[in-house]
Amino acid sequence: MDKQPIRCEYICNFFIVLVTEGSNKSAVRRGHNKLLKPKKYHPAVKDVVLTKEPYIYPNLQNIVCPESYKSPLGKAEYKARALDYFRYHVSLGIYDWILHMDKESVTDAESFCHCIEF
């Protein structure tokens, strides 16, 4: 695949969010390292590790979902609750996109490029 950056004027931020409990430090770091590769394909790509309390990774772009957080309808649990927290507490605009990943998930260049082109 060509390594030229993709240019798309309708993407302001493309968040790749690694959603995990955060208790397995080596798995979190492995998952985060996999997120670094797509950053070279588009300047809007931002990698974020989304964990729950008390797991904090200060040297990563880490957002921690507090145990006290309840979704607006009160029905979201586990990863859905954390993603809801992220969605409501990051100032998202109409040109912002989010790709949710597990710590075991991997995306290759071609799949990522198709996400950007969508």
PDB file of N, CA and C in Angstrom:
ATOM      1  N   MET A   1       0.845  -1.182   0.000  1.00  0.00           N
ATOM      2  CA  MET A   1       0.000   0.000   0.000  1.00  0.00           C
ATOM      3  C   MET A   1       0.885   1.238   0.000  1.00  0.00           C
ATOM      4  N   ASP A   2       0.483   2.226  -0.750  1.00  0.00           N
ATOM      5  CA  ASP A   2       1.228   3.477  -0.843  1.00  0.00           C
ATOM      6  C   ASP A   2       1.242   4.173   0.524  1.00  0.00           C
ATOM      7  N   LYS A   3       2.376   4.701   0.920  1.00  0.00           N
ATOM      8  CA  LYS A   3       2.505   5.324   2.238  1.00  0.00           C
ATOM      9  C   LYS A   3       2.285   6.833   2.198  1.00  0.00           C
ATOM     10  N   GLN A   4       1.674   7.335   1.137  1.00  0.00           N
ATOM     11  CA  GLN A   4       1.348   8.748   1.050  1.00  0.00           C
ATOM     12  C   GLN A   4       0.228   9.074   2.037  1.00  0.00           C
ATOM     13  N   PRO A   5       0.310  10.216   2.748  1.00  0.00           N
ATOM     14  CA  PRO A   5      -0.779  10.589   3.648  1.00  0.00           C
ATOM     15  C   PRO A   5      -2.082  10.802   2.871  1.00  0.00           C
ATOM     16  N   ILE A   6      -3.162  10.401   3.470  1.00  0.00           N
ATOM     17  CA  ILE A   6      -4.487  10.578   2.869  1.00  0.00           C
ATOM     18  C   ILE A   6      -4.945  11.997   3.188  1.00  0.00           C
ATOM     19  N   ARG A   7      -5.492  12.675   2.222  1.00  0.00           N
ATOM     20  CA  ARG A   7      -6.003  14.034   2.438  1.00  0.00           C
ATOM     21  C   ARG A   7      -7.518  14.017   2.343  1.00  0.00           C
ATOM     22  N   CYS A   8      -8.144  14.366   3.425  1.00  0.00           N
ATOM     23  CA  CYS A   8      -9.604  14.431   3.443  1.00  0.00           C
ATOM     24  C   CYS A   8      -9.990  15.676   4.227  1.00  0.00           C
ATOM     25  N   GLU A   9     -10.647  16.598   3.603  1.00  0.00           N
ATOM     26  CA  GLU A   9     -10.953  17.863   4.247  1.00  0.00           C
ATOM     27  C   GLU A   9     -12.084  17.773   5.266  1.00  0.00           C
ATOM     28  N   TYR A  10     -12.796  16.663   5.309  1.00  0.00           N
ATOM     29  CA  TYR A  10     -13.939  16.545   6.200  1.00  0.00           C
ATOM     30  C   TYR A  10     -13.634  15.788   7.481  1.00  0.00           C
ATOM     31  N   ILE A  11     -12.372  15.599   7.789  1.00  0.00           N
ATOM     32  CA  ILE A  11     -11.996  14.960   9.053  1.00  0.00           C
ATOM     33  C   ILE A  11     -11.155  15.953   9.839  1.00  0.00           C
ATOM     34  N   CYS A  12     -11.655  16.325  10.993  1.00  0.00           N
ATOM     35  CA  CYS A  12     -10.906  17.227  11.869  1.00  0.00           C
ATOM     36  C   CYS A  12     -10.058  16.391  12.835  1.00  0.00           C
ATOM     37  N   ASN A  13     -10.709  15.457  13.531  1.00  0.00           N
ATOM     38  CA  ASN A  13     -10.025  14.532  14.439  1.00  0.00           C
ATOM     39  C   ASN A  13     -10.507  13.126  14.143  1.00  0.00           C
ATOM     40  N   PHE A  14      -9.588  12.205  14.066  1.00  0.00           N
ATOM     41  CA  PHE A  14      -9.921  10.784  13.899  1.00  0.00           C
ATOM     42  C   PHE A  14      -9.322  10.068  15.103  1.00  0.00           C
ATOM     43  N   PHE A  15     -10.176   9.856  16.120  1.00  0.00           N
ATOM     44  CA  PHE A  15      -9.731   9.224  17.350  1.00  0.00           C
ATOM     45  C   PHE A  15      -9.744   7.706  17.189  1.00  0.00           C
ATOM     46  N   ILE A  16      -8.597   7.084  17.444  1.00  0.00           N
ATOM     47  CA  ILE A  16      -8.546   5.629  17.550  1.00  0.00           C
ATOM     48  C   ILE A  16      -8.468   5.353  19.042  1.00  0.00           C
ATOM     49  N   VAL A  17      -9.546   4.795  19.591  1.00  0.00           N
ATOM     50  CA  VAL A  17      -9.677   4.642  21.032  1.00  0.00           C
ATOM     51  C   VAL A  17      -9.519   3.182  21.417  1.00  0.00           C
ATOM     52  N   LEU A  18      -8.492   2.899  22.198  1.00  0.00           N
ATOM     53  CA  LEU A  18      -8.275   1.569  22.760  1.00  0.00           C
ATOM     54  C   LEU A  18      -9.082   1.500  24.046  1.00  0.00           C
ATOM     55  N   VAL A  19     -10.122   0.669  24.061  1.00  0.00           N
ATOM     56  CA  VAL A  19     -11.014   0.569  25.206  1.00  0.00           C
ATOM     57  C   VAL A  19     -10.661  -0.688  25.995  1.00  0.00           C
ATOM     58  N   THR A  20     -10.247  -0.500  27.249  1.00  0.00           N
ATOM     59  CA  THR A  20      -9.822  -1.618  28.074  1.00  0.00           C
ATOM     60  C   THR A  20     -10.038  -1.300  29.543  1.00  0.00           C
ATOM     61  N   GLU A  21     -10.165  -2.338  30.341  1.00  0.00           N
ATOM     62  CA  GLU A  21     -10.247  -2.134  31.789  1.00  0.00           C
ATOM     63  C   GLU A  21      -8.970  -1.469  32.278  1.00  0.00           C
ATOM     64  N   GLY A  22      -7.841  -1.945  31.762  1.00  0.00           N
ATOM     65  CA  GLY A  22      -6.567  -1.337  32.104  1.00  0.00           C
ATOM     66  C   GLY A  22      -5.733  -2.106  33.103  1.00  0.00           C
ATOM     67  N   SER A  23      -6.223  -3.242  33.583  1.00  0.00           N
ATOM     68  CA  SER A  23      -5.511  -3.971  34.630  1.00  0.00           C
ATOM     69  C   SER A  23      -4.270  -4.708  34.124  1.00  0.00           C
ATOM     70  N   ASN A  24      -4.235  -5.084  32.856  1.00  0.00           N
ATOM     71  CA  ASN A  24      -3.098  -5.805  32.292  1.00  0.00           C
ATOM     72  C   ASN A  24      -2.182  -4.806  31.587  1.00  0.00           C
ATOM     73  N   LYS A  25      -1.168  -4.344  32.310  1.00  0.00           N
ATOM     74  CA  LYS A  25      -0.307  -3.273  31.795  1.00  0.00           C
ATOM     75  C   LYS A  25       0.397  -3.644  30.492  1.00  0.00           C
ATOM     76  N   SER A  26       0.899  -4.857  30.387  1.00  0.00           N
ATOM     77  CA  SER A  26       1.624  -5.232  29.169  1.00  0.00           C
ATOM     78  C   SER A  26       0.676  -5.294  27.971  1.00  0.00           C
ATOM     79  N   ALA A  27      -0.558  -5.764  28.177  1.00  0.00           N
ATOM     80  CA  ALA A  27      -1.535  -5.809  27.079  1.00  0.00           C
ATOM     81  C   ALA A  27      -1.934  -4.402  26.650  1.00  0.00           C
ATOM     82  N   VAL A  28      -2.066  -3.492  27.602  1.00  0.00           N
ATOM     83  CA  VAL A  28      -2.405  -2.102  27.268  1.00  0.00           C
ATOM     84  C   VAL A  28      -1.281  -1.483  26.439  1.00  0.00           C
ATOM     85  N   ARG A  29      -0.054  -1.690  26.847  1.00  0.00           N
ATOM     86  CA  ARG A  29       1.079  -1.121  26.109  1.00  0.00           C
ATOM     87  C   ARG A  29       1.210  -1.739  24.717  1.00  0.00           C
ATOM     88  N   ARG A  30       1.005  -3.053  24.610  1.00  0.00           N
ATOM     89  CA  ARG A  30       1.031  -3.711  23.293  1.00  0.00           C
ATOM     90  C   ARG A  30      -0.053  -3.133  22.397  1.00  0.00           C
ATOM     91  N   GLY A  31      -1.267  -3.014  22.947  1.00  0.00           N
ATOM     92  CA  GLY A  31      -2.378  -2.452  22.176  1.00  0.00           C
ATOM     93  C   GLY A  31      -2.111  -1.024  21.758  1.00  0.00           C
ATOM     94  N   HIS A  32      -1.555  -0.226  22.646  1.00  0.00           N
ATOM     95  CA  HIS A  32      -1.247   1.169  22.329  1.00  0.00           C
ATOM     96  C   HIS A  32      -0.193   1.247  21.233  1.00  0.00           C
ATOM     97  N   ASN A  33       0.824   0.411  21.308  1.00  0.00           N
ATOM     98  CA  ASN A  33       1.872   0.421  20.285  1.00  0.00           C
ATOM     99  C   ASN A  33       1.314   0.102  18.905  1.00  0.00           C
ATOM    100  N   LYS A  34       0.269  -0.732  18.841  1.00  0.00           N
ATOM    101  CA  LYS A  34      -0.370  -1.045  17.556  1.00  0.00           C
ATOM    102  C   LYS A  34      -1.120   0.162  17.005  1.00  0.00           C
ATOM    103  N   LEU A  35      -1.557   1.052  17.890  1.00  0.00           N
ATOM    104  CA  LEU A  35      -2.294   2.242  17.449  1.00  0.00           C
ATOM    105  C   LEU A  35      -1.384   3.300  16.838  1.00  0.00           C
ATOM    106  N   LEU A  36      -0.107   3.205  17.091  1.00  0.00           N
ATOM    107  CA  LEU A  36       0.811   4.237  16.615  1.00  0.00           C
ATOM    108  C   LEU A  36       1.025   4.193  15.108  1.00  0.00           C
ATOM    109  N   LYS A  37       0.887   3.027  14.504  1.00  0.00           N
ATOM    110  CA  LYS A  37       1.137   2.900  13.062  1.00  0.00           C
ATOM    111  C   LYS A  37       0.200   3.749  12.197  1.00  0.00           C
ATOM    112  N   PRO A  38      -1.125   3.744  12.449  1.00  0.00           N
ATOM    113  CA  PRO A  38      -2.015   4.547  11.581  1.00  0.00           C
ATOM    114  C   PRO A  38      -1.787   6.060  11.653  1.00  0.00           C
ATOM    115  N   LYS A  39      -1.097   6.540  12.671  1.00  0.00           N
ATOM    116  CA  LYS A  39      -0.881   7.987  12.802  1.00  0.00           C
ATOM    117  C   LYS A  39      -0.116   8.573  11.623  1.00  0.00           C
ATOM    118  N   LYS A  40       0.672   7.753  10.929  1.00  0.00           N
ATOM    119  CA  LYS A  40       1.456   8.279   9.807  1.00  0.00           C
ATOM    120  C   LYS A  40       0.629   8.461   8.540  1.00  0.00           C
ATOM    121  N   TYR A  41      -0.605   7.951   8.519  1.00  0.00           N
ATOM    122  CA  TYR A  41      -1.423   8.007   7.310  1.00  0.00           C
ATOM    123  C   TYR A  41      -2.304   9.252   7.220  1.00  0.00           C
ATOM    124  N   HIS A  42      -2.539   9.913   8.338  1.00  0.00           N
ATOM    125  CA  HIS A  42      -3.398  11.105   8.303  1.00  0.00           C
ATOM    126  C   HIS A  42      -3.062  11.991   9.497  1.00  0.00           C
ATOM    127  N   PRO A  43      -2.947  13.295   9.293  1.00  0.00           N
ATOM    128  CA  PRO A  43      -2.574  14.193  10.395  1.00  0.00           C
ATOM    129  C   PRO A  43      -3.641  14.329  11.479  1.00  0.00           C
ATOM    130  N   ALA A  44      -4.872  13.937  11.203  1.00  0.00           N
ATOM    131  CA  ALA A  44      -5.947  14.082  12.184  1.00  0.00           C
ATOM    132  C   ALA A  44      -6.014  12.924  13.181  1.00  0.00           C
ATOM    133  N   VAL A  45      -5.217  11.880  12.960  1.00  0.00           N
ATOM    134  CA  VAL A  45      -5.301  10.680  13.816  1.00  0.00           C
ATOM    135  C   VAL A  45      -4.735  10.969  15.199  1.00  0.00           C
ATOM    136  N   LYS A  46      -5.532  10.611  16.206  1.00  0.00           N
ATOM    137  CA  LYS A  46      -5.116  10.745  17.597  1.00  0.00           C
ATOM    138  C   LYS A  46      -5.388   9.419  18.294  1.00  0.00           C
ATOM    139  N   ASP A  47      -4.390   8.889  18.975  1.00  0.00           N
ATOM    140  CA  ASP A  47      -4.585   7.639  19.695  1.00  0.00           C
ATOM    141  C   ASP A  47      -4.907   7.937  21.157  1.00  0.00           C
ATOM    142  N   VAL A  48      -5.890   7.221  21.691  1.00  0.00           N
ATOM    143  CA  VAL A  48      -6.336   7.420  23.064  1.00  0.00           C
ATOM    144  C   VAL A  48      -6.520   6.049  23.707  1.00  0.00           C
ATOM    145  N   VAL A  49      -6.062   5.928  24.951  1.00  0.00           N
ATOM    146  CA  VAL A  49      -6.312   4.724  25.733  1.00  0.00           C
ATOM    147  C   VAL A  49      -7.386   5.080  26.748  1.00  0.00           C
ATOM    148  N   LEU A  50      -8.505   4.367  26.693  1.00  0.00           N
ATOM    149  CA  LEU A  50      -9.644   4.623  27.569  1.00  0.00           C
ATOM    150  C   LEU A  50      -9.720   3.495  28.586  1.00  0.00           C
ATOM    151  N   THR A  51      -9.494   3.821  29.861  1.00  0.00           N
ATOM    152  CA  THR A  51      -9.504   2.829  30.936  1.00  0.00           C
ATOM    153  C   THR A  51     -10.516   3.221  32.002  1.00  0.00           C
ATOM    154  N   LYS A  52     -10.694   2.341  32.967  1.00  0.00           N
ATOM    155  CA  LYS A  52     -11.550   2.678  34.102  1.00  0.00           C
ATOM    156  C   LYS A  52     -10.684   2.900  35.334  1.00  0.00           C
ATOM    157  N   GLU A  53     -11.261   3.528  36.340  1.00  0.00           N
ATOM    158  CA  GLU A  53     -10.533   3.720  37.588  1.00  0.00           C
ATOM    159  C   GLU A  53     -10.206   2.360  38.171  1.00  0.00           C
ATOM    160  N   PRO A  54      -9.120   2.173  38.803  1.00  0.00           N
ATOM    161  CA  PRO A  54      -8.038   3.090  39.168  1.00  0.00           C
ATOM    162  C   PRO A  54      -6.846   3.027  38.220  1.00  0.00           C
ATOM    163  N   TYR A  55      -7.028   2.468  37.030  1.00  0.00           N
ATOM    164  CA  TYR A  55      -5.909   2.232  36.116  1.00  0.00           C
ATOM    165  C   TYR A  55      -5.588   3.479  35.305  1.00  0.00           C
ATOM    166  N   ILE A  56      -4.434   4.073  35.590  1.00  0.00           N
ATOM    167  CA  ILE A  56      -4.019   5.313  34.959  1.00  0.00           C
ATOM    168  C   ILE A  56      -2.652   5.106  34.310  1.00  0.00           C
ATOM    169  N   TYR A  57      -2.507   5.596  33.093  1.00  0.00           N
ATOM    170  CA  TYR A  57      -1.248   5.521  32.353  1.00  0.00           C
ATOM    171  C   TYR A  57      -0.825   6.943  31.992  1.00  0.00           C
ATOM    172  N   PRO A  58      -0.085   7.611  32.881  1.00  0.00           N
ATOM    173  CA  PRO A  58       0.240   9.027  32.652  1.00  0.00           C
ATOM    174  C   PRO A  58       1.122   9.290  31.435  1.00  0.00           C
ATOM    175  N   ASN A  59       1.898   8.303  30.975  1.00  0.00           N
ATOM    176  CA  ASN A  59       2.767   8.541  29.824  1.00  0.00           C
ATOM    177  C   ASN A  59       2.080   8.237  28.491  1.00  0.00           C
ATOM    178  N   LEU A  60       0.802   7.873  28.523  1.00  0.00           N
ATOM    179  CA  LEU A  60       0.010   7.655  27.307  1.00  0.00           C
ATOM    180  C   LEU A  60      -1.097   8.694  27.275  1.00  0.00           C
ATOM    181  N   GLN A  61      -1.684   8.907  26.110  1.00  0.00           N
ATOM    182  CA  GLN A  61      -2.881   9.747  26.027  1.00  0.00           C
ATOM    183  C   GLN A  61      -4.005   8.904  26.614  1.00  0.00           C
ATOM    184  N   ASN A  62      -4.245   9.057  27.911  1.00  0.00           N
ATOM    185  CA  ASN A  62      -5.140   8.193  28.676  1.00  0.00           C
ATOM    186  C   ASN A  62      -6.309   8.990  29.220  1.00  0.00           C
ATOM    187  N   ILE A  63      -7.511   8.490  28.976  1.00  0.00           N
ATOM    188  CA  ILE A  63      -8.708   9.056  29.584  1.00  0.00           C
ATOM    189  C   ILE A  63      -9.272   7.984  30.495  1.00  0.00           C
ATOM    190  N   VAL A  64      -9.568   8.370  31.729  1.00  0.00           N
ATOM    191  CA  VAL A  64     -10.040   7.419  32.733  1.00  0.00           C
ATOM    192  C   VAL A  64     -11.511   7.662  33.004  1.00  0.00           C
ATOM    193  N   CYS A  65     -12.312   6.620  32.826  1.00  0.00           N
ATOM    194  CA  CYS A  65     -13.744   6.698  33.120  1.00  0.00           C
ATOM    195  C   CYS A  65     -13.935   6.448  34.618  1.00  0.00           C
ATOM    196  N   PRO A  66     -14.455   7.423  35.356  1.00  0.00           N
ATOM    197  CA  PRO A  66     -14.624   7.238  36.800  1.00  0.00           C
ATOM    198  C   PRO A  66     -15.676   6.179  37.111  1.00  0.00           C
ATOM    199  N   GLU A  67     -15.463   5.464  38.195  1.00  0.00           N
ATOM    200  CA  GLU A  67     -16.432   4.445  38.637  1.00  0.00           C
ATOM    201  C   GLU A  67     -17.809   5.062  38.885  1.00  0.00           C
ATOM    202  N   SER A  68     -17.831   6.325  39.270  1.00  0.00           N
ATOM    203  CA  SER A  68     -19.090   6.990  39.607  1.00  0.00           C
ATOM    204  C   SER A  68     -19.907   7.396  38.381  1.00  0.00           C
ATOM    205  N   TYR A  69     -19.317   7.321  37.172  1.00  0.00           N
ATOM    206  CA  TYR A  69     -20.019   7.784  35.979  1.00  0.00           C
ATOM    207  C   TYR A  69     -21.182   6.866  35.634  1.00  0.00           C
ATOM    208  N   LYS A  70     -22.323   7.483  35.376  1.00  0.00           N
ATOM    209  CA  LYS A  70     -23.517   6.783  34.889  1.00  0.00           C
ATOM    210  C   LYS A  70     -23.903   7.395  33.560  1.00  0.00           C
ATOM    211  N   SER A  71     -24.227   6.562  32.594  1.00  0.00           N
ATOM    212  CA  SER A  71     -24.663   7.077  31.294  1.00  0.00           C
ATOM    213  C   SER A  71     -25.993   7.804  31.465  1.00  0.00           C
ATOM    214  N   PRO A  72     -26.342   8.691  30.535  1.00  0.00           N
ATOM    215  CA  PRO A  72     -27.581   9.467  30.677  1.00  0.00           C
ATOM    216  C   PRO A  72     -28.834   8.609  30.912  1.00  0.00           C
ATOM    217  N   LEU A  73     -28.931   7.478  30.252  1.00  0.00           N
ATOM    218  CA  LEU A  73     -30.086   6.604  30.466  1.00  0.00           C
ATOM    219  C   LEU A  73     -29.833   5.581  31.567  1.00  0.00           C
ATOM    220  N   GLY A  74     -28.587   5.500  32.028  1.00  0.00           N
ATOM    221  CA  GLY A  74     -28.243   4.580  33.108  1.00  0.00           C
ATOM    222  C   GLY A  74     -28.175   3.123  32.706  1.00  0.00           C
ATOM    223  N   LYS A  75     -28.178   2.837  31.409  1.00  0.00           N
ATOM    224  CA  LYS A  75     -28.206   1.446  30.946  1.00  0.00           C
ATOM    225  C   LYS A  75     -26.856   0.932  30.456  1.00  0.00           C
ATOM    226  N   ALA A  76     -25.948   1.811  30.111  1.00  0.00           N
ATOM    227  CA  ALA A  76     -24.658   1.384  29.562  1.00  0.00           C
ATOM    228  C   ALA A  76     -23.786   0.780  30.651  1.00  0.00           C
ATOM    229  N   GLU A  77     -23.146  -0.339  30.321  1.00  0.00           N
ATOM    230  CA  GLU A  77     -22.248  -1.010  31.255  1.00  0.00           C
ATOM    231  C   GLU A  77     -20.931  -1.318  30.564  1.00  0.00           C
ATOM    232  N   TYR A  78     -19.897  -1.530  31.379  1.00  0.00           N
ATOM    233  CA  TYR A  78     -18.595  -1.985  30.925  1.00  0.00           C
ATOM    234  C   TYR A  78     -18.012  -1.045  29.863  1.00  0.00           C
ATOM    235  N   LYS A  79     -17.627  -1.602  28.706  1.00  0.00           N
ATOM    236  CA  LYS A  79     -16.987  -0.778  27.675  1.00  0.00           C
ATOM    237  C   LYS A  79     -17.946   0.260  27.104  1.00  0.00           C
ATOM    238  N   ALA A  80     -19.207  -0.073  27.011  1.00  0.00           N
ATOM    239  CA  ALA A  80     -20.186   0.891  26.492  1.00  0.00           C
ATOM    240  C   ALA A  80     -20.271   2.114  27.410  1.00  0.00           C
ATOM    241  N   ARG A  81     -20.182   1.904  28.717  1.00  0.00           N
ATOM    242  CA  ARG A  81     -20.212   3.007  29.675  1.00  0.00           C
ATOM    243  C   ARG A  81     -18.971   3.886  29.496  1.00  0.00           C
ATOM    244  N   ALA A  82     -17.807   3.260  29.328  1.00  0.00           N
ATOM    245  CA  ALA A  82     -16.574   4.018  29.126  1.00  0.00           C
ATOM    246  C   ALA A  82     -16.619   4.812  27.821  1.00  0.00           C
ATOM    247  N   LEU A  83     -17.126   4.198  26.753  1.00  0.00           N
ATOM    248  CA  LEU A  83     -17.243   4.894  25.472  1.00  0.00           C
ATOM    249  C   LEU A  83     -18.221   6.054  25.562  1.00  0.00           C
ATOM    250  N   ASP A  84     -19.290   5.869  26.314  1.00  0.00           N
ATOM    251  CA  ASP A  84     -20.253   6.947  26.516  1.00  0.00           C
ATOM    252  C   ASP A  84     -19.590   8.109  27.259  1.00  0.00           C
ATOM    253  N   TYR A  85     -18.794   7.781  28.259  1.00  0.00           N
ATOM    254  CA  TYR A  85     -18.052   8.810  28.991  1.00  0.00           C
ATOM    255  C   TYR A  85     -17.130   9.579  28.041  1.00  0.00           C
ATOM    256  N   PHE A  86     -16.412   8.851  27.218  1.00  0.00           N
ATOM    257  CA  PHE A  86     -15.513   9.493  26.256  1.00  0.00           C
ATOM    258  C   PHE A  86     -16.287  10.431  25.333  1.00  0.00           C
ATOM    259  N   ARG A  87     -17.383   9.928  24.805  1.00  0.00           N
ATOM    260  CA  ARG A  87     -18.182  10.703  23.854  1.00  0.00           C
ATOM    261  C   ARG A  87     -18.704  11.996  24.468  1.00  0.00           C
ATOM    262  N   TYR A  88     -19.139  11.934  25.722  1.00  0.00           N
ATOM    263  CA  TYR A  88     -19.702  13.114  26.363  1.00  0.00           C
ATOM    264  C   TYR A  88     -18.660  14.059  26.940  1.00  0.00           C
ATOM    265  N   HIS A  89     -17.460  13.559  27.226  1.00  0.00           N
ATOM    266  CA  HIS A  89     -16.472  14.394  27.900  1.00  0.00           C
ATOM    267  C   HIS A  89     -15.316  14.857  27.016  1.00  0.00           C
ATOM    268  N   VAL A  90     -15.343  14.485  25.747  1.00  0.00           N
ATOM    269  CA  VAL A  90     -14.387  15.028  24.779  1.00  0.00           C
ATOM    270  C   VAL A  90     -15.209  15.943  23.872  1.00  0.00           C
ATOM    271  N   SER A  91     -14.706  17.090  23.627  1.00  0.00           N
ATOM    272  CA  SER A  91     -15.460  18.039  22.795  1.00  0.00           C
ATOM    273  C   SER A  91     -15.411  17.591  21.339  1.00  0.00           C
ATOM    274  N   LEU A  92     -16.375  16.790  20.944  1.00  0.00           N
ATOM    275  CA  LEU A  92     -16.431  16.279  19.575  1.00  0.00           C
ATOM    276  C   LEU A  92     -17.187  17.252  18.679  1.00  0.00           C
ATOM    277  N   GLY A  93     -16.669  17.422  17.487  1.00  0.00           N
ATOM    278  CA  GLY A  93     -17.329  18.251  16.492  1.00  0.00           C
ATOM    279  C   GLY A  93     -17.954  17.376  15.419  1.00  0.00           C
ATOM    280  N   ILE A  94     -18.609  18.000  14.449  1.00  0.00           N
ATOM    281  CA  ILE A  94     -19.294  17.227  13.411  1.00  0.00           C
ATOM    282  C   ILE A  94     -18.319  16.546  12.456  1.00  0.00           C
ATOM    283  N   TYR A  95     -17.065  16.995  12.449  1.00  0.00           N
ATOM    284  CA  TYR A  95     -16.069  16.378  11.577  1.00  0.00           C
ATOM    285  C   TYR A  95     -15.084  15.493  12.350  1.00  0.00           C
ATOM    286  N   ASP A  96     -15.486  15.066  13.533  1.00  0.00           N
ATOM    287  CA  ASP A  96     -14.668  14.162  14.338  1.00  0.00           C
ATOM    288  C   ASP A  96     -15.206  12.739  14.206  1.00  0.00           C
ATOM    289  N   TRP A  97     -14.290  11.793  14.120  1.00  0.00           N
ATOM    290  CA  TRP A  97     -14.637  10.379  13.973  1.00  0.00           C
ATOM    291  C   TRP A  97     -13.967   9.595  15.089  1.00  0.00           C
ATOM    292  N   ILE A  98     -14.585   8.472  15.474  1.00  0.00           N
ATOM    293  CA  ILE A  98     -14.031   7.610  16.519  1.00  0.00           C
ATOM    294  C   ILE A  98     -14.030   6.177  16.012  1.00  0.00           C
ATOM    295  N   LEU A  99     -12.882   5.522  16.122  1.00  0.00           N
ATOM    296  CA  LEU A  99     -12.755   4.096  15.834  1.00  0.00           C
ATOM    297  C   LEU A  99     -12.437   3.418  17.163  1.00  0.00           C
ATOM    298  N   HIS A 100     -13.355   2.581  17.655  1.00  0.00           N
ATOM    299  CA  HIS A 100     -13.172   1.893  18.937  1.00  0.00           C
ATOM    300  C   HIS A 100     -12.452   0.575  18.708  1.00  0.00           C
ATOM    301  N   MET A 101     -11.440   0.328  19.510  1.00  0.00           N
ATOM    302  CA  MET A 101     -10.649  -0.895  19.384  1.00  0.00           C
ATOM    303  C   MET A 101     -10.521  -1.579  20.743  1.00  0.00           C
ATOM    304  N   ASP A 102     -10.423  -2.913  20.732  1.00  0.00           N
ATOM    305  CA  ASP A 102     -10.048  -3.680  21.919  1.00  0.00           C
ATOM    306  C   ASP A 102      -8.540  -3.706  21.999  1.00  0.00           C
ATOM    307  N   LYS A 103      -8.014  -4.104  23.160  1.00  0.00           N
ATOM    308  CA  LYS A 103      -6.555  -4.164  23.267  1.00  0.00           C
ATOM    309  C   LYS A 103      -5.960  -5.245  22.382  1.00  0.00           C
ATOM    310  N   GLU A 104      -6.765  -6.232  21.955  1.00  0.00           N
ATOM    311  CA  GLU A 104      -6.277  -7.285  21.068  1.00  0.00           C
ATOM    312  C   GLU A 104      -6.479  -6.944  19.588  1.00  0.00           C
ATOM    313  N   SER A 105      -7.225  -5.891  19.300  1.00  0.00           N
ATOM    314  CA  SER A 105      -7.558  -5.548  17.915  1.00  0.00           C
ATOM    315  C   SER A 105      -6.370  -4.951  17.179  1.00  0.00           C
ATOM    316  N   VAL A 106      -6.325  -5.225  15.895  1.00  0.00           N
ATOM    317  CA  VAL A 106      -5.285  -4.687  15.026  1.00  0.00           C
ATOM    318  C   VAL A 106      -5.959  -4.196  13.753  1.00  0.00           C
ATOM    319  N   THR A 107      -5.496  -3.084  13.228  1.00  0.00           N
ATOM    320  CA  THR A 107      -5.974  -2.622  11.938  1.00  0.00           C
ATOM    321  C   THR A 107      -4.768  -2.444  11.018  1.00  0.00           C
ATOM    322  N   ASP A 108      -4.922  -2.894   9.791  1.00  0.00           N
ATOM    323  CA  ASP A 108      -3.822  -2.728   8.844  1.00  0.00           C
ATOM    324  C   ASP A 108      -4.020  -1.426   8.065  1.00  0.00           C
ATOM    325  N   ALA A 109      -3.033  -1.073   7.269  1.00  0.00           N
ATOM    326  CA  ALA A 109      -3.060   0.195   6.531  1.00  0.00           C
ATOM    327  C   ALA A 109      -4.257   0.273   5.594  1.00  0.00           C
ATOM    328  N   GLU A 110      -4.550  -0.805   4.899  1.00  0.00           N
ATOM    329  CA  GLU A 110      -5.649  -0.786   3.946  1.00  0.00           C
ATOM    330  C   GLU A 110      -6.993  -0.568   4.640  1.00  0.00           C
ATOM    331  N   SER A 111      -7.225  -1.268   5.747  1.00  0.00           N
ATOM    332  CA  SER A 111      -8.485  -1.100   6.495  1.00  0.00           C
ATOM    333  C   SER A 111      -8.607   0.316   7.032  1.00  0.00           C
ATOM    334  N   PHE A 112      -7.521   0.832   7.563  1.00  0.00           N
ATOM    335  CA  PHE A 112      -7.535   2.194   8.093  1.00  0.00           C
ATOM    336  C   PHE A 112      -7.839   3.207   6.983  1.00  0.00           C
ATOM    337  N   CYS A 113      -7.203   3.038   5.850  1.00  0.00           N
ATOM    338  CA  CYS A 113      -7.440   3.949   4.727  1.00  0.00           C
ATOM    339  C   CYS A 113      -8.892   3.918   4.279  1.00  0.00           C
ATOM    340  N   HIS A 114      -9.525   2.743   4.308  1.00  0.00           N
ATOM    341  CA  HIS A 114     -10.928   2.656   3.967  1.00  0.00           C
ATOM    342  C   HIS A 114     -11.799   3.388   4.988  1.00  0.00           C
ATOM    343  N   CYS A 115     -11.413   3.351   6.242  1.00  0.00           N
ATOM    344  CA  CYS A 115     -12.146   4.120   7.275  1.00  0.00           C
ATOM    345  C   CYS A 115     -12.073   5.612   6.962  1.00  0.00           C
ATOM    346  N   ILE A 116     -10.900   6.080   6.619  1.00  0.00           N
ATOM    347  CA  ILE A 116     -10.714   7.506   6.317  1.00  0.00           C
ATOM    348  C   ILE A 116     -11.508   7.903   5.062  1.00  0.00           C
ATOM    349  N   GLU A 117     -11.522   7.032   4.067  1.00  0.00           N
ATOM    350  CA  GLU A 117     -12.198   7.337   2.811  1.00  0.00           C
ATOM    351  C   GLU A 117     -13.718   7.247   2.918  1.00  0.00           C
ATOM    352  N   PHE A 118     -14.217   6.581   3.956  1.00  0.00           N
ATOM    353  CA  PHE A 118     -15.662   6.400   4.128  1.00  0.00           C
ATOM    354  C   PHE A 118     -16.307   7.746   4.289  1.00  0.00           C
TER     355      PHE A 118
END
